[in-house]
Structure formats: C-alpha cells, structure tokens
Amino acid sequence: MISDYENKFTIITGYTPNDKISQKNYHLLLYMYRLFDFLYKRILLLYTKIEFIQRDLDVSRITAANYLNKLADDKLLTKKKLGTANYYINDPLFKLLSER
C-alpha cells in the first residue's frame, strides 16, 4: 500500500519505488521529503519536540532525535532541556515576535 507521502513524493519528484534508483536511495529521499514537509508545515511554530517528529513522521525516537540534533548543530534550531524533555526552539521566529 502506498502512503499519502509516497503519492505526493512521486508527483513532486517523479520517482516511484520501482524506478532504477536503489531502494535505499528512494527511501532516503522519501524520508528527506517527509522531514522537510513536516518542517515547512510547522514553520510558524516556536518549538518542536522529539515526540512530535516521531509521531508525525512515523520514525523511531532515535531517528527523530538525530534529525532535530542535526538541525540544532547547524544552528537552525536551539536545543533547550526542560526537566527530562528536550525542546527545539525556532529562535529566529521567537526573536522576530519578541521585537514586535
């Protein structure tokens, strides 16, 4: 069964699971599409958490943490620990809203 993400991905990229690219590359591109789609839809959120990525992208906790930690390492998000949870803050948006 093809997921909604796979349908959108195929429409946008033209790639299907049966194309000549390897299955590994197809799934890597699909995951990248899902991550960027998630982030784009939530661009106006001030923060996100591992649980949000895990639930919305249907990935393991470790994969979700890796995605967010990479974005934090690249200074696109700021990682803050509050209690036992990590929050990933959209600092540019937070600063923009704070100045108004």
N, C-alpha and C. Protein backbone atom coordinates (compact mmCIF):
# COMPACT_ATOMS: atom_id res chain seq x y z
N MET A 1 0.85 -1.19 0.00
CA MET A 1 0.00 0.00 0.00
C MET A 1 0.89 1.25 0.00
N ILE A 2 0.61 2.17 -0.87
CA ILE A 2 1.39 3.41 -0.99
C ILE A 2 0.79 4.46 -0.07
N SER A 3 1.66 5.09 0.72
CA SER A 3 1.20 6.11 1.66
C SER A 3 0.92 7.43 0.94
N ASP A 4 0.26 8.33 1.64
CA ASP A 4 -0.01 9.66 1.11
C ASP A 4 1.30 10.38 0.81
N TYR A 5 2.29 10.24 1.69
CA TYR A 5 3.60 10.85 1.45
C TYR A 5 4.23 10.32 0.17
N GLU A 6 4.14 9.01 -0.03
CA GLU A 6 4.73 8.42 -1.24
C GLU A 6 4.03 8.95 -2.50
N ASN A 7 2.72 9.11 -2.44
CA ASN A 7 2.00 9.67 -3.59
C ASN A 7 2.46 11.10 -3.88
N LYS A 8 2.54 11.94 -2.84
CA LYS A 8 3.00 13.32 -3.03
C LYS A 8 4.44 13.35 -3.53
N PHE A 9 5.27 12.51 -2.94
CA PHE A 9 6.68 12.44 -3.32
C PHE A 9 6.82 12.06 -4.80
N THR A 10 6.04 11.09 -5.24
CA THR A 10 6.08 10.65 -6.64
C THR A 10 5.63 11.77 -7.57
N ILE A 11 4.60 12.49 -7.19
CA ILE A 11 4.10 13.59 -8.01
C ILE A 11 5.16 14.69 -8.12
N ILE A 12 5.80 15.03 -7.01
CA ILE A 12 6.79 16.12 -7.00
C ILE A 12 8.08 15.73 -7.70
N THR A 13 8.60 14.55 -7.41
CA THR A 13 9.92 14.16 -7.91
C THR A 13 9.87 13.31 -9.17
N GLY A 14 8.76 12.62 -9.37
CA GLY A 14 8.67 11.70 -10.50
C GLY A 14 9.23 10.32 -10.17
N TYR A 15 9.83 10.17 -8.97
CA TYR A 15 10.37 8.86 -8.58
C TYR A 15 9.27 7.97 -8.04
N THR A 16 9.37 6.68 -8.37
CA THR A 16 8.47 5.68 -7.80
C THR A 16 9.35 4.61 -7.16
N PRO A 17 8.77 3.78 -6.29
CA PRO A 17 9.57 2.73 -5.66
C PRO A 17 10.18 1.76 -6.67
N ASN A 18 9.64 1.70 -7.88
CA ASN A 18 10.12 0.75 -8.89
C ASN A 18 11.13 1.34 -9.87
N ASP A 19 11.51 2.62 -9.68
CA ASP A 19 12.47 3.24 -10.58
C ASP A 19 13.86 2.64 -10.41
N LYS A 20 14.77 3.05 -11.30
CA LYS A 20 16.10 2.47 -11.32
C LYS A 20 16.98 2.90 -10.15
N ILE A 21 16.60 3.94 -9.40
CA ILE A 21 17.39 4.29 -8.23
C ILE A 21 17.23 3.17 -7.21
N SER A 22 18.22 3.01 -6.38
CA SER A 22 18.15 1.91 -5.42
C SER A 22 17.05 2.15 -4.40
N GLN A 23 16.57 1.07 -3.80
CA GLN A 23 15.55 1.17 -2.76
C GLN A 23 16.04 2.04 -1.60
N LYS A 24 17.32 1.88 -1.25
CA LYS A 24 17.88 2.67 -0.15
C LYS A 24 17.83 4.16 -0.48
N ASN A 25 18.22 4.53 -1.70
CA ASN A 25 18.19 5.93 -2.10
C ASN A 25 16.76 6.45 -2.17
N TYR A 26 15.85 5.63 -2.65
CA TYR A 26 14.44 6.04 -2.71
C TYR A 26 13.92 6.35 -1.31
N HIS A 27 14.18 5.46 -0.38
CA HIS A 27 13.68 5.66 0.98
C HIS A 27 14.37 6.83 1.67
N LEU A 28 15.64 7.05 1.39
CA LEU A 28 16.34 8.20 1.94
C LEU A 28 15.72 9.49 1.42
N LEU A 29 15.47 9.56 0.12
CA LEU A 29 14.83 10.74 -0.46
C LEU A 29 13.42 10.94 0.09
N LEU A 30 12.71 9.85 0.27
CA LEU A 30 11.36 9.93 0.83
C LEU A 30 11.39 10.47 2.25
N TYR A 31 12.31 9.98 3.07
CA TYR A 31 12.43 10.49 4.45
C TYR A 31 12.81 11.95 4.46
N MET A 32 13.71 12.36 3.57
CA MET A 32 14.09 13.78 3.49
C MET A 32 12.88 14.62 3.12
N TYR A 33 12.09 14.14 2.17
CA TYR A 33 10.89 14.86 1.78
C TYR A 33 9.93 14.98 2.97
N ARG A 34 9.75 13.89 3.70
CA ARG A 34 8.83 13.91 4.85
C ARG A 34 9.31 14.88 5.91
N LEU A 35 10.62 14.92 6.17
CA LEU A 35 11.16 15.84 7.17
C LEU A 35 10.95 17.29 6.73
N PHE A 36 11.28 17.60 5.50
CA PHE A 36 11.11 18.97 5.03
C PHE A 36 9.64 19.36 4.97
N ASP A 37 8.79 18.44 4.59
CA ASP A 37 7.35 18.71 4.59
C ASP A 37 6.87 19.01 6.01
N PHE A 38 7.32 18.23 6.98
CA PHE A 38 6.97 18.46 8.38
C PHE A 38 7.42 19.84 8.83
N LEU A 39 8.67 20.17 8.55
CA LEU A 39 9.21 21.45 9.00
C LEU A 39 8.53 22.62 8.30
N TYR A 40 8.25 22.47 7.01
CA TYR A 40 7.59 23.54 6.27
C TYR A 40 6.19 23.81 6.82
N LYS A 41 5.45 22.77 7.09
CA LYS A 41 4.09 22.93 7.61
C LYS A 41 4.09 23.56 9.00
N ARG A 42 5.17 23.39 9.72
CA ARG A 42 5.24 23.88 11.09
C ARG A 42 6.23 25.03 11.24
N ILE A 43 6.48 25.73 10.17
CA ILE A 43 7.48 26.80 10.18
C ILE A 43 7.10 27.90 11.16
N LEU A 44 5.83 28.07 11.42
CA LEU A 44 5.41 29.13 12.33
C LEU A 44 5.33 28.68 13.78
N LEU A 45 5.73 27.46 14.05
CA LEU A 45 5.78 27.01 15.44
C LEU A 45 7.03 27.56 16.11
N LEU A 46 6.90 27.92 17.36
CA LEU A 46 8.05 28.42 18.09
C LEU A 46 8.96 27.31 18.56
N TYR A 47 8.42 26.10 18.70
CA TYR A 47 9.24 25.00 19.17
C TYR A 47 8.69 23.68 18.65
N THR A 48 9.51 22.64 18.76
CA THR A 48 9.06 21.29 18.50
C THR A 48 9.77 20.37 19.48
N LYS A 49 9.34 19.13 19.51
CA LYS A 49 9.91 18.13 20.41
C LYS A 49 10.13 16.83 19.63
N ILE A 50 10.95 15.99 20.18
CA ILE A 50 11.23 14.70 19.56
C ILE A 50 9.93 13.94 19.31
N GLU A 51 9.03 13.98 20.28
CA GLU A 51 7.77 13.24 20.17
C GLU A 51 6.95 13.69 18.97
N PHE A 52 7.00 14.99 18.64
CA PHE A 52 6.23 15.50 17.50
C PHE A 52 6.76 14.91 16.20
N ILE A 53 8.08 14.93 16.05
CA ILE A 53 8.71 14.38 14.85
C ILE A 53 8.43 12.88 14.76
N GLN A 54 8.60 12.22 15.89
CA GLN A 54 8.41 10.76 15.95
C GLN A 54 6.98 10.40 15.51
N ARG A 55 6.01 11.10 16.02
CA ARG A 55 4.60 10.81 15.70
C ARG A 55 4.26 11.19 14.27
N ASP A 56 4.62 12.39 13.87
CA ASP A 56 4.18 12.89 12.56
C ASP A 56 4.93 12.26 11.39
N LEU A 57 6.18 11.86 11.61
CA LEU A 57 6.95 11.24 10.53
C LEU A 57 6.98 9.72 10.64
N ASP A 58 6.41 9.20 11.72
CA ASP A 58 6.39 7.75 11.95
C ASP A 58 7.80 7.16 11.88
N VAL A 59 8.69 7.77 12.67
CA VAL A 59 10.08 7.30 12.76
C VAL A 59 10.37 6.95 14.22
N SER A 60 11.47 6.26 14.43
CA SER A 60 11.84 5.90 15.80
C SER A 60 12.26 7.14 16.58
N ARG A 61 12.27 7.02 17.88
CA ARG A 61 12.69 8.12 18.74
C ARG A 61 14.13 8.53 18.42
N ILE A 62 14.99 7.55 18.19
CA ILE A 62 16.40 7.83 17.89
C ILE A 62 16.52 8.61 16.58
N THR A 63 15.77 8.21 15.57
CA THR A 63 15.81 8.92 14.28
C THR A 63 15.31 10.35 14.44
N ALA A 64 14.21 10.53 15.15
CA ALA A 64 13.67 11.87 15.38
C ALA A 64 14.67 12.74 16.13
N ALA A 65 15.31 12.18 17.15
CA ALA A 65 16.32 12.92 17.91
C ALA A 65 17.50 13.29 17.01
N ASN A 66 17.91 12.37 16.16
CA ASN A 66 19.02 12.65 15.25
C ASN A 66 18.67 13.80 14.30
N TYR A 67 17.46 13.80 13.75
CA TYR A 67 17.03 14.88 12.86
C TYR A 67 17.13 16.22 13.58
N LEU A 68 16.53 16.29 14.77
CA LEU A 68 16.49 17.56 15.48
C LEU A 68 17.87 17.98 15.99
N ASN A 69 18.67 17.04 16.43
CA ASN A 69 20.01 17.39 16.88
C ASN A 69 20.86 17.92 15.74
N LYS A 70 20.69 17.36 14.55
CA LYS A 70 21.43 17.86 13.38
C LYS A 70 21.00 19.29 13.06
N LEU A 71 19.71 19.58 13.13
CA LEU A 71 19.24 20.94 12.89
C LEU A 71 19.76 21.89 13.96
N ALA A 72 19.86 21.42 15.19
CA ALA A 72 20.42 22.24 16.28
C ALA A 72 21.92 22.45 16.06
N ASP A 73 22.63 21.41 15.66
CA ASP A 73 24.07 21.54 15.37
C ASP A 73 24.33 22.55 14.26
N ASP A 74 23.41 22.60 13.29
CA ASP A 74 23.54 23.53 12.17
C ASP A 74 22.98 24.92 12.50
N LYS A 75 22.59 25.13 13.76
CA LYS A 75 22.10 26.42 14.26
C LYS A 75 20.76 26.85 13.65
N LEU A 76 19.99 25.90 13.13
CA LEU A 76 18.66 26.22 12.62
C LEU A 76 17.63 26.20 13.74
N LEU A 77 17.90 25.41 14.77
CA LEU A 77 17.08 25.35 15.98
C LEU A 77 18.02 25.42 17.17
N THR A 78 17.48 25.81 18.33
CA THR A 78 18.26 25.82 19.56
C THR A 78 17.68 24.77 20.50
N LYS A 79 18.54 23.89 20.98
CA LYS A 79 18.11 22.80 21.86
C LYS A 79 18.12 23.30 23.31
N LYS A 80 16.99 23.15 24.00
CA LYS A 80 16.86 23.52 25.41
C LYS A 80 16.29 22.33 26.17
N LYS A 81 16.87 22.05 27.32
CA LYS A 81 16.38 20.95 28.16
C LYS A 81 15.52 21.55 29.27
N LEU A 82 14.33 21.03 29.41
CA LEU A 82 13.42 21.46 30.47
C LEU A 82 12.90 20.21 31.15
N GLY A 83 13.35 19.97 32.35
CA GLY A 83 13.02 18.73 33.04
C GLY A 83 13.72 17.59 32.33
N THR A 84 12.95 16.60 31.91
CA THR A 84 13.53 15.46 31.19
C THR A 84 13.38 15.58 29.68
N ALA A 85 12.66 16.61 29.23
CA ALA A 85 12.38 16.75 27.79
C ALA A 85 13.31 17.77 27.14
N ASN A 86 13.63 17.52 25.89
CA ASN A 86 14.36 18.48 25.07
C ASN A 86 13.37 19.20 24.17
N TYR A 87 13.50 20.51 24.14
CA TYR A 87 12.71 21.35 23.25
C TYR A 87 13.64 21.96 22.23
N TYR A 88 13.17 22.07 21.01
CA TYR A 88 13.97 22.63 19.94
C TYR A 88 13.28 23.92 19.51
N ILE A 89 13.93 25.03 19.82
CA ILE A 89 13.32 26.35 19.68
C ILE A 89 13.66 26.97 18.33
N ASN A 90 12.66 27.55 17.70
CA ASN A 90 12.84 28.30 16.46
C ASN A 90 13.22 29.72 16.86
N ASP A 91 14.51 29.94 17.15
CA ASP A 91 14.99 31.23 17.64
C ASP A 91 14.74 32.40 16.69
N PRO A 92 14.97 32.25 15.39
CA PRO A 92 14.70 33.41 14.52
C PRO A 92 13.25 33.89 14.62
N LEU A 93 12.31 32.97 14.65
CA LEU A 93 10.91 33.36 14.77
C LEU A 93 10.64 33.94 16.16
N PHE A 94 11.18 33.32 17.18
CA PHE A 94 10.99 33.81 18.55
C PHE A 94 11.51 35.25 18.68
N LYS A 95 12.70 35.51 18.14
CA LYS A 95 13.28 36.87 18.20
C LYS A 95 12.44 37.86 17.42
N LEU A 96 11.98 37.44 16.24
CA LEU A 96 11.15 38.32 15.42
C LEU A 96 9.88 38.71 16.16
N LEU A 97 9.22 37.75 16.78
CA LEU A 97 7.98 38.04 17.51
C LEU A 97 8.24 38.83 18.79
N SER A 98 9.39 38.63 19.41
CA SER A 98 9.73 39.36 20.63
C SER A 98 9.99 40.84 20.37
N GLU A 99 10.48 41.15 19.18
CA GLU A 99 10.81 42.53 18.84
C GLU A 99 9.58 43.35 18.51
N ARG A 100 8.49 42.73 18.23
CA ARG A 100 7.28 43.45 17.82
C ARG A 100 6.47 43.90 19.00
